[in-house]
Amino acid sequence: MLGRGIVVLALTAPHVSAAEALLPICYREDTAPFSYLDAKGEPAGYTIELCRRVAASLNVEVKMVAVTAEDRFARLARGDCDLLCEATSVTLKRRQQADFSYYTFLTGAAFLYPKKIEDAGKSVIVGYLKGTTVETAARAGNIIGGNSGQFILKEFEFESHEEAQEALANGEVQGYLADREILESMLEELPQLAETHQISKQSLTYEPYAIAVRLGDFETRLKVDTALAELFTTPGTMRALLSEQIPARRNDPVLEELFRIQAIPE
């Protein structure tokens, strides 16, 4: 199923050179540190690097296809790409739309909110990204933020995390809901925001990440899982990748155990 409409015969026919093969990968431009555009305008991030290594194990080159949070699964389903490589949370509902690889990361949604709000009953305008699992959590009701108690949620939808950053910097919204590492990346990019805002210590959701493939494409999923298992098995590989992409999680025992139990032998 790899490469619908694109020459990827090298995966199954040895006589076709790797240079002729392309593996189309869907990614998002605004979900650092997992999938984003770097300073040179090139796709980068933890999940993108994982997918590049998967492609290298298959001896194919990658073709990057930009998608959004709202259209990513539709683009994958219609064959615009073979792999969805970004901050993709696995849910039972999404498993009706796509198949998923071994887990590649574990995180949770958190709440970015102003440090100066101390009144537990005070309402704040809180944003979230449309088409995400965080949107579902946001619509569930009140949000707990750090040690500040409960905040009444006034919803504000965004099309991208970049839009949200601008709105936070301009004071259009006071808070933002997103996966923890994405919020941490925002504070790194906007030091002035780090002076006025903080991230909740408590996670609001459980978000297991994986690489998505088209529903029913078991062949591709097996190839991806095989490549991931090899990465998980090779000593030091995942720690080095985390050190490069998400340094705060490089020695995380939860992730180390996640990789260890998925290092399934051939």
C-alpha atoms as a PDB file:
ATOM      1  CA  MET A   1       0.000   0.000   0.000  1.00  0.00           C
ATOM      2  CA  LEU A   2       3.019   2.304   0.266  1.00  0.00           C
ATOM      3  CA  GLY A   3       3.103   5.178  -2.166  1.00  0.00           C
ATOM      4  CA  ARG A   4      -0.332   5.349  -3.725  1.00  0.00           C
ATOM      5  CA  GLY A   5       0.238   7.276  -6.948  1.00  0.00           C
ATOM      6  CA  ILE A   6       3.967   7.623  -6.288  1.00  0.00           C
ATOM      7  CA  VAL A   7       6.787   5.377  -7.465  1.00  0.00           C
ATOM      8  CA  VAL A   8       7.785   3.301  -4.444  1.00  0.00           C
ATOM      9  CA  LEU A   9       8.394  -0.012  -6.187  1.00  0.00           C
ATOM     10  CA  ALA A  10      11.803  -0.281  -4.533  1.00  0.00           C
ATOM     11  CA  LEU A  11      10.006  -1.502  -1.416  1.00  0.00           C
ATOM     12  CA  THR A  12       8.864  -4.662  -3.171  1.00  0.00           C
ATOM     13  CA  ALA A  13      10.920  -4.889  -6.365  1.00  0.00           C
ATOM     14  CA  PRO A  14      14.720  -5.055  -5.796  1.00  0.00           C
ATOM     15  CA  HIS A  15      15.518  -4.038  -9.372  1.00  0.00           C
ATOM     16  CA  VAL A  16      14.151  -0.512  -8.838  1.00  0.00           C
ATOM     17  CA  SER A  17      16.745   1.844  -7.351  1.00  0.00           C
ATOM     18  CA  ALA A  18      16.157   3.609  -4.021  1.00  0.00           C
ATOM     19  CA  ALA A  19      16.692   6.941  -5.770  1.00  0.00           C
ATOM     20  CA  GLU A  20      13.461   6.363  -7.701  1.00  0.00           C
ATOM     21  CA  ALA A  21      11.431   5.647  -4.569  1.00  0.00           C
ATOM     22  CA  LEU A  22       9.556   8.217  -2.540  1.00  0.00           C
ATOM     23  CA  LEU A  23       7.710   7.777   0.725  1.00  0.00           C
ATOM     24  CA  PRO A  24       5.161  10.604   1.124  1.00  0.00           C
ATOM     25  CA  ILE A  25       4.934  11.788   4.725  1.00  0.00           C
ATOM     26  CA  CYS A  26       2.247  14.112   6.071  1.00  0.00           C
ATOM     27  CA  TYR A  27       3.431  16.533   8.742  1.00  0.00           C
ATOM     28  CA  ARG A  28       2.288  19.699  10.503  1.00  0.00           C
ATOM     29  CA  GLU A  29       4.239  22.937  10.512  1.00  0.00           C
ATOM     30  CA  ASP A  30       3.386  24.175  14.008  1.00  0.00           C
ATOM     31  CA  THR A  31       3.667  21.331  16.511  1.00  0.00           C
ATOM     32  CA  ALA A  32       7.210  21.771  17.848  1.00  0.00           C
ATOM     33  CA  PRO A  33       9.057  19.822  19.099  1.00  0.00           C
ATOM     34  CA  PHE A  34       7.394  16.965  17.208  1.00  0.00           C
ATOM     35  CA  SER A  35       6.684  18.374  13.738  1.00  0.00           C
ATOM     36  CA  TYR A  36       7.483  21.903  12.597  1.00  0.00           C
ATOM     37  CA  LEU A  37       9.474  24.087  10.220  1.00  0.00           C
ATOM     38  CA  ASP A  38      12.949  24.966  11.455  1.00  0.00           C
ATOM     39  CA  ALA A  39      14.811  28.259  10.959  1.00  0.00           C
ATOM     40  CA  LYS A  40      15.660  27.225   7.388  1.00  0.00           C
ATOM     41  CA  GLY A  41      12.033  26.440   6.581  1.00  0.00           C
ATOM     42  CA  GLU A  42      12.696  22.691   6.567  1.00  0.00           C
ATOM     43  CA  PRO A  43      10.466  20.094   8.271  1.00  0.00           C
ATOM     44  CA  ALA A  44      12.000  19.036  11.583  1.00  0.00           C
ATOM     45  CA  GLY A  45      11.090  17.493  14.912  1.00  0.00           C
ATOM     46  CA  TYR A  46      11.074  14.303  16.955  1.00  0.00           C
ATOM     47  CA  THR A  47       8.373  12.448  15.014  1.00  0.00           C
ATOM     48  CA  ILE A  48       9.650  13.617  11.638  1.00  0.00           C
ATOM     49  CA  GLU A  49      13.105  12.315  12.518  1.00  0.00           C
ATOM     50  CA  LEU A  50      11.586   8.969  13.505  1.00  0.00           C
ATOM     51  CA  CYS A  51       9.795   8.769  10.146  1.00  0.00           C
ATOM     52  CA  ARG A  52      12.984   9.667   8.281  1.00  0.00           C
ATOM     53  CA  ARG A  53      14.722   6.787  10.017  1.00  0.00           C
ATOM     54  CA  VAL A  54      11.850   4.488   9.087  1.00  0.00           C
ATOM     55  CA  ALA A  55      12.269   5.603   5.461  1.00  0.00           C
ATOM     56  CA  ALA A  56      16.033   4.998   5.652  1.00  0.00           C
ATOM     57  CA  SER A  57      15.405   1.443   6.844  1.00  0.00           C
ATOM     58  CA  LEU A  58      13.241   0.933   3.741  1.00  0.00           C
ATOM     59  CA  ASN A  59      15.883   2.501   1.463  1.00  0.00           C
ATOM     60  CA  VAL A  60      13.514   5.196   0.219  1.00  0.00           C
ATOM     61  CA  GLU A  61      13.542   8.987   0.181  1.00  0.00           C
ATOM     62  CA  VAL A  62      10.802  11.039   1.826  1.00  0.00           C
ATOM     63  CA  LYS A  63       8.412  13.501   0.246  1.00  0.00           C
ATOM     64  CA  MET A  64       7.025  15.961   2.810  1.00  0.00           C
ATOM     65  CA  VAL A  65       3.330  16.916   2.569  1.00  0.00           C
ATOM     66  CA  ALA A  66       2.057  19.694   4.862  1.00  0.00           C
ATOM     67  CA  VAL A  67      -1.328  19.133   6.533  1.00  0.00           C
ATOM     68  CA  THR A  68      -3.371  20.720   9.320  1.00  0.00           C
ATOM     69  CA  ALA A  69      -4.845  19.338  12.518  1.00  0.00           C
ATOM     70  CA  GLU A  70      -8.283  19.291  10.916  1.00  0.00           C
ATOM     71  CA  ASP A  71      -7.491  17.685   7.539  1.00  0.00           C
ATOM     72  CA  ARG A  72      -4.619  15.322   8.428  1.00  0.00           C
ATOM     73  CA  PHE A  73      -6.630  12.095   8.687  1.00  0.00           C
ATOM     74  CA  ALA A  74      -8.647  12.886   5.565  1.00  0.00           C
ATOM     75  CA  ARG A  75      -5.422  13.557   3.622  1.00  0.00           C
ATOM     76  CA  LEU A  76      -3.955  10.275   4.867  1.00  0.00           C
ATOM     77  CA  ALA A  77      -7.118   8.341   3.956  1.00  0.00           C
ATOM     78  CA  ARG A  78      -7.256   9.646   0.392  1.00  0.00           C
ATOM     79  CA  GLY A  79      -3.622   8.756  -0.265  1.00  0.00           C
ATOM     80  CA  ASP A  80      -1.862  12.122  -0.144  1.00  0.00           C
ATOM     81  CA  CYS A  81       0.696  10.416   2.097  1.00  0.00           C
ATOM     82  CA  ASP A  82       1.535   6.994   3.492  1.00  0.00           C
ATOM     83  CA  LEU A  83       2.588   8.063   6.988  1.00  0.00           C
ATOM     84  CA  LEU A  84       1.237  10.745   9.302  1.00  0.00           C
ATOM     85  CA  CYS A  85       4.256  11.991  11.249  1.00  0.00           C
ATOM     86  CA  GLU A  86       3.457  14.692  13.790  1.00  0.00           C
ATOM     87  CA  ALA A  87       1.890  14.990  17.255  1.00  0.00           C
ATOM     88  CA  THR A  88      -0.678  12.257  16.592  1.00  0.00           C
ATOM     89  CA  SER A  89      -2.544  10.935  19.629  1.00  0.00           C
ATOM     90  CA  VAL A  90      -4.079   7.471  19.427  1.00  0.00           C
ATOM     91  CA  THR A  91      -7.731   7.141  20.449  1.00  0.00           C
ATOM     92  CA  LEU A  92     -10.336   4.444  19.910  1.00  0.00           C
ATOM     93  CA  LYS A  93     -12.347   6.798  17.709  1.00  0.00           C
ATOM     94  CA  ARG A  94      -9.311   7.547  15.550  1.00  0.00           C
ATOM     95  CA  ARG A  95      -8.640   3.836  15.184  1.00  0.00           C
ATOM     96  CA  GLN A  96     -11.826   3.777  13.118  1.00  0.00           C
ATOM     97  CA  GLN A  97     -10.107   6.193  10.691  1.00  0.00           C
ATOM     98  CA  ALA A  98      -6.525   4.941  10.598  1.00  0.00           C
ATOM     99  CA  ASP A  99      -4.118   2.281  11.818  1.00  0.00           C
ATOM    100  CA  PHE A 100      -1.290   3.170  14.179  1.00  0.00           C
ATOM    101  CA  SER A 101       2.270   2.036  14.800  1.00  0.00           C
ATOM    102  CA  TYR A 102       3.845   1.177  18.124  1.00  0.00           C
ATOM    103  CA  TYR A 103       3.677   4.092  20.540  1.00  0.00           C
ATOM    104  CA  THR A 104       6.431   6.629  19.910  1.00  0.00           C
ATOM    105  CA  PHE A 105       5.850   9.024  22.827  1.00  0.00           C
ATOM    106  CA  LEU A 106       3.668   9.554  25.891  1.00  0.00           C
ATOM    107  CA  THR A 107       2.480  12.940  27.094  1.00  0.00           C
ATOM    108  CA  GLY A 108      -0.628  14.737  28.318  1.00  0.00           C
ATOM    109  CA  ALA A 109      -2.472  17.966  27.719  1.00  0.00           C
ATOM    110  CA  ALA A 110      -1.677  20.805  30.102  1.00  0.00           C
ATOM    111  CA  PHE A 111      -2.937  24.311  30.782  1.00  0.00           C
ATOM    112  CA  LEU A 112      -0.892  27.447  30.081  1.00  0.00           C
ATOM    113  CA  TYR A 113      -2.285  30.253  32.221  1.00  0.00           C
ATOM    114  CA  PRO A 114      -1.260  33.602  33.806  1.00  0.00           C
ATOM    115  CA  LYS A 115       0.830  33.459  36.968  1.00  0.00           C
ATOM    116  CA  LYS A 116      -1.016  36.362  38.564  1.00  0.00           C
ATOM    117  CA  ILE A 117      -4.473  34.769  38.594  1.00  0.00           C
ATOM    118  CA  GLU A 118      -5.046  33.636  42.180  1.00  0.00           C
ATOM    119  CA  ASP A 119      -8.815  33.690  42.457  1.00  0.00           C
ATOM    120  CA  ALA A 120      -9.942  30.088  41.916  1.00  0.00           C
ATOM    121  CA  GLY A 121     -13.336  31.203  40.663  1.00  0.00           C
ATOM    122  CA  LYS A 122     -12.118  33.751  38.140  1.00  0.00           C
ATOM    123  CA  SER A 123     -12.964  33.054  34.524  1.00  0.00           C
ATOM    124  CA  VAL A 124     -10.363  33.324  31.786  1.00  0.00           C
ATOM    125  CA  ILE A 125     -10.562  33.049  28.000  1.00  0.00           C
ATOM    126  CA  VAL A 126      -8.787  29.841  27.087  1.00  0.00           C
ATOM    127  CA  GLY A 127      -7.902  28.725  23.580  1.00  0.00           C
ATOM    128  CA  TYR A 128      -7.308  25.331  22.039  1.00  0.00           C
ATOM    129  CA  LEU A 129      -6.576  23.893  18.616  1.00  0.00           C
ATOM    130  CA  LYS A 130      -9.482  22.653  16.507  1.00  0.00           C
ATOM    131  CA  GLY A 131      -9.487  19.024  15.436  1.00  0.00           C
ATOM    132  CA  THR A 132      -7.438  17.710  18.355  1.00  0.00           C
ATOM    133  CA  THR A 133      -7.967  15.512  21.402  1.00  0.00           C
ATOM    134  CA  VAL A 134      -7.337  18.609  23.509  1.00  0.00           C
ATOM    135  CA  GLU A 135     -10.453  20.174  21.970  1.00  0.00           C
ATOM    136  CA  THR A 136     -12.441  17.211  23.289  1.00  0.00           C
ATOM    137  CA  ALA A 137     -10.994  17.732  26.771  1.00  0.00           C
ATOM    138  CA  ALA A 138     -11.710  21.447  26.598  1.00  0.00           C
ATOM    139  CA  ARG A 139     -15.357  20.879  25.754  1.00  0.00           C
ATOM    140  CA  ALA A 140     -15.755  18.510  28.696  1.00  0.00           C
ATOM    141  CA  GLY A 141     -16.075  21.314  31.265  1.00  0.00           C
ATOM    142  CA  ASN A 142     -13.940  23.151  33.815  1.00  0.00           C
ATOM    143  CA  ILE A 143     -10.148  23.035  33.601  1.00  0.00           C
ATOM    144  CA  ILE A 144      -7.764  22.553  36.515  1.00  0.00           C
ATOM    145  CA  GLY A 145      -4.639  24.738  36.260  1.00  0.00           C
ATOM    146  CA  GLY A 146      -1.627  24.043  38.468  1.00  0.00           C
ATOM    147  CA  ASN A 147      -2.227  24.968  42.094  1.00  0.00           C
ATOM    148  CA  SER A 148      -4.660  27.748  41.245  1.00  0.00           C
ATOM    149  CA  GLY A 149      -7.864  25.737  41.447  1.00  0.00           C
ATOM    150  CA  GLN A 150     -10.541  25.651  38.794  1.00  0.00           C
ATOM    151  CA  PHE A 151     -10.963  28.148  35.963  1.00  0.00           C
ATOM    152  CA  ILE A 152     -14.208  28.619  34.101  1.00  0.00           C
ATOM    153  CA  LEU A 153     -13.486  27.930  30.447  1.00  0.00           C
ATOM    154  CA  LYS A 154     -14.545  30.438  27.832  1.00  0.00           C
ATOM    155  CA  GLU A 155     -13.734  28.683  24.595  1.00  0.00           C
ATOM    156  CA  PHE A 156     -11.706  30.169  21.783  1.00  0.00           C
ATOM    157  CA  GLU A 157     -10.771  27.988  18.816  1.00  0.00           C
ATOM    158  CA  PHE A 158      -7.578  28.342  16.804  1.00  0.00           C
ATOM    159  CA  GLU A 159      -6.579  26.963  13.424  1.00  0.00           C
ATOM    160  CA  SER A 160      -2.895  26.647  14.387  1.00  0.00           C
ATOM    161  CA  HIS A 161      -0.590  26.861  17.386  1.00  0.00           C
ATOM    162  CA  GLU A 162       1.100  29.849  15.737  1.00  0.00           C
ATOM    163  CA  GLU A 163      -2.199  31.746  15.830  1.00  0.00           C
ATOM    164  CA  ALA A 164      -2.512  30.904  19.498  1.00  0.00           C
ATOM    165  CA  GLN A 165       0.984  32.183  20.264  1.00  0.00           C
ATOM    166  CA  GLU A 166       0.151  35.529  18.703  1.00  0.00           C
ATOM    167  CA  ALA A 167      -3.131  35.738  20.593  1.00  0.00           C
ATOM    168  CA  LEU A 168      -1.418  34.967  23.891  1.00  0.00           C
ATOM    169  CA  ALA A 169       1.291  37.535  23.227  1.00  0.00           C
ATOM    170  CA  ASN A 170      -1.336  40.166  22.353  1.00  0.00           C
ATOM    171  CA  GLY A 171      -3.541  39.360  25.321  1.00  0.00           C
ATOM    172  CA  GLU A 172      -6.513  38.242  23.187  1.00  0.00           C
ATOM    173  CA  VAL A 173      -6.682  35.061  25.247  1.00  0.00           C
ATOM    174  CA  GLN A 174      -5.322  34.462  28.740  1.00  0.00           C
ATOM    175  CA  GLY A 175      -4.778  30.725  28.598  1.00  0.00           C
ATOM    176  CA  TYR A 176      -4.116  27.884  26.185  1.00  0.00           C
ATOM    177  CA  LEU A 177      -4.609  24.139  26.225  1.00  0.00           C
ATOM    178  CA  ALA A 178      -2.185  21.859  24.388  1.00  0.00           C
ATOM    179  CA  ASP A 179       0.092  18.903  24.951  1.00  0.00           C
ATOM    180  CA  ARG A 180       2.761  19.736  27.515  1.00  0.00           C
ATOM    181  CA  GLU A 181       5.821  19.692  25.246  1.00  0.00           C
ATOM    182  CA  ILE A 182       4.081  21.967  22.737  1.00  0.00           C
ATOM    183  CA  LEU A 183       3.383  24.493  25.510  1.00  0.00           C
ATOM    184  CA  GLU A 184       6.982  24.262  26.691  1.00  0.00           C
ATOM    185  CA  SER A 185       8.136  24.948  23.132  1.00  0.00           C
ATOM    186  CA  MET A 186       5.886  28.035  23.025  1.00  0.00           C
ATOM    187  CA  LEU A 187       7.502  29.428  26.167  1.00  0.00           C
ATOM    188  CA  GLU A 188      10.958  28.818  24.704  1.00  0.00           C
ATOM    189  CA  GLU A 189      10.027  30.753  21.568  1.00  0.00           C
ATOM    190  CA  LEU A 190       8.389  33.596  23.514  1.00  0.00           C
ATOM    191  CA  PRO A 191      10.516  34.401  26.604  1.00  0.00           C
ATOM    192  CA  GLN A 192       8.224  37.316  27.471  1.00  0.00           C
ATOM    193  CA  LEU A 193       5.333  34.866  27.744  1.00  0.00           C
ATOM    194  CA  ALA A 194       7.359  32.710  30.127  1.00  0.00           C
ATOM    195  CA  GLU A 195       7.617  35.704  32.457  1.00  0.00           C
ATOM    196  CA  THR A 196       3.848  36.061  32.755  1.00  0.00           C
ATOM    197  CA  HIS A 197       2.511  32.529  32.251  1.00  0.00           C
ATOM    198  CA  GLN A 198       3.036  29.067  33.706  1.00  0.00           C
ATOM    199  CA  ILE A 199       2.135  25.496  32.767  1.00  0.00           C
ATOM    200  CA  SER A 200      -0.061  23.398  35.018  1.00  0.00           C
ATOM    201  CA  LYS A 201       1.730  20.666  36.923  1.00  0.00           C
ATOM    202  CA  GLN A 202      -1.214  18.339  36.465  1.00  0.00           C
ATOM    203  CA  SER A 203      -1.864  16.787  33.081  1.00  0.00           C
ATOM    204  CA  LEU A 204      -5.462  16.935  31.912  1.00  0.00           C
ATOM    205  CA  THR A 205      -5.378  14.016  29.488  1.00  0.00           C
ATOM    206  CA  TYR A 206      -3.368  10.947  28.549  1.00  0.00           C
ATOM    207  CA  GLU A 207      -1.895  11.276  25.043  1.00  0.00           C
ATOM    208  CA  PRO A 208      -0.073   8.265  23.539  1.00  0.00           C
ATOM    209  CA  TYR A 209       1.545   9.263  20.235  1.00  0.00           C
ATOM    210  CA  ALA A 210       2.110   7.000  17.236  1.00  0.00           C
ATOM    211  CA  ILE A 211       2.712   7.127  13.494  1.00  0.00           C
ATOM    212  CA  ALA A 212      -0.556   6.736  11.588  1.00  0.00           C
ATOM    213  CA  VAL A 213      -1.019   4.767   8.357  1.00  0.00           C
ATOM    214  CA  ARG A 214      -4.119   4.254   6.207  1.00  0.00           C
ATOM    215  CA  LEU A 215      -6.802   2.063   7.727  1.00  0.00           C
ATOM    216  CA  GLY A 216      -6.245  -1.558   6.725  1.00  0.00           C
ATOM    217  CA  ASP A 217      -2.723  -0.963   5.405  1.00  0.00           C
ATOM    218  CA  PHE A 218      -1.221  -3.730   7.508  1.00  0.00           C
ATOM    219  CA  GLU A 219       1.823  -4.117   5.250  1.00  0.00           C
ATOM    220  CA  THR A 220       2.942  -0.541   5.802  1.00  0.00           C
ATOM    221  CA  ARG A 221       2.188  -0.685   9.513  1.00  0.00           C
ATOM    222  CA  LEU A 222       4.340  -3.807   9.865  1.00  0.00           C
ATOM    223  CA  LYS A 223       7.225  -2.131   8.011  1.00  0.00           C
ATOM    224  CA  VAL A 224       6.978   0.891  10.307  1.00  0.00           C
ATOM    225  CA  ASP A 225       6.754  -1.252  13.446  1.00  0.00           C
ATOM    226  CA  THR A 226       9.735  -3.331  12.333  1.00  0.00           C
ATOM    227  CA  ALA A 227      11.817  -0.198  11.862  1.00  0.00           C
ATOM    228  CA  LEU A 228      10.697   1.240  15.204  1.00  0.00           C
ATOM    229  CA  ALA A 229      11.424  -2.013  17.039  1.00  0.00           C
ATOM    230  CA  GLU A 230      14.961  -1.918  15.672  1.00  0.00           C
ATOM    231  CA  LEU A 231      15.382   1.673  16.902  1.00  0.00           C
ATOM    232  CA  PHE A 232      13.989   0.735  20.306  1.00  0.00           C
ATOM    233  CA  THR A 233      16.348  -2.265  20.514  1.00  0.00           C
ATOM    234  CA  THR A 234      19.549  -0.416  19.562  1.00  0.00           C
ATOM    235  CA  PRO A 235      21.191   0.780  22.813  1.00  0.00           C
ATOM    236  CA  GLY A 236      21.228   4.551  23.270  1.00  0.00           C
ATOM    237  CA  THR A 237      19.360   5.355  20.051  1.00  0.00           C
ATOM    238  CA  MET A 238      16.153   6.730  21.536  1.00  0.00           C
ATOM    239  CA  ARG A 239      17.911   8.533  24.372  1.00  0.00           C
ATOM    240  CA  ALA A 240      20.150  10.265  21.825  1.00  0.00           C
ATOM    241  CA  LEU A 241      17.116  11.229  19.740  1.00  0.00           C
ATOM    242  CA  LEU A 242      15.318  12.614  22.788  1.00  0.00           C
ATOM    243  CA  SER A 243      18.457  14.505  23.847  1.00  0.00           C
ATOM    244  CA  GLU A 244      18.504  16.161  20.451  1.00  0.00           C
ATOM    245  CA  GLN A 245      14.787  16.853  20.045  1.00  0.00           C
ATOM    246  CA  ILE A 246      13.187  16.928  23.531  1.00  0.00           C
ATOM    247  CA  PRO A 247      16.027  17.225  26.090  1.00  0.00           C
ATOM    248  CA  ALA A 248      13.683  17.456  29.086  1.00  0.00           C
ATOM    249  CA  ARG A 249      12.514  13.860  28.451  1.00  0.00           C
ATOM    250  CA  ARG A 250      15.877  12.267  27.589  1.00  0.00           C
ATOM    251  CA  ASN A 251      16.149  10.354  30.891  1.00  0.00           C
ATOM    252  CA  ASP A 252      12.446   9.786  31.408  1.00  0.00           C
ATOM    253  CA  PRO A 253      11.948   6.300  32.951  1.00  0.00           C
ATOM    254  CA  VAL A 254       8.400   6.071  31.580  1.00  0.00           C
ATOM    255  CA  LEU A 255       9.611   6.531  28.002  1.00  0.00           C
ATOM    256  CA  GLU A 256      12.543   4.187  28.556  1.00  0.00           C
ATOM    257  CA  GLU A 257      10.136   1.474  29.704  1.00  0.00           C
ATOM    258  CA  LEU A 258       7.793   2.227  26.798  1.00  0.00           C
ATOM    259  CA  PHE A 259      10.581   1.672  24.293  1.00  0.00           C
ATOM    260  CA  ARG A 260      11.877  -1.415  26.115  1.00  0.00           C
ATOM    261  CA  ILE A 261       8.566  -3.287  26.123  1.00  0.00           C
ATOM    262  CA  GLN A 262       8.043  -2.517  22.422  1.00  0.00           C
ATOM    263  CA  ALA A 263      11.466  -3.759  21.359  1.00  0.00           C
ATOM    264  CA  ILE A 264       9.830  -6.864  19.916  1.00  0.00           C
ATOM    265  CA  PRO A 265      12.227  -9.360  18.279  1.00  0.00           C
ATOM    266  CA  GLU A 266      11.859 -10.476  14.666  1.00  0.00           C
END
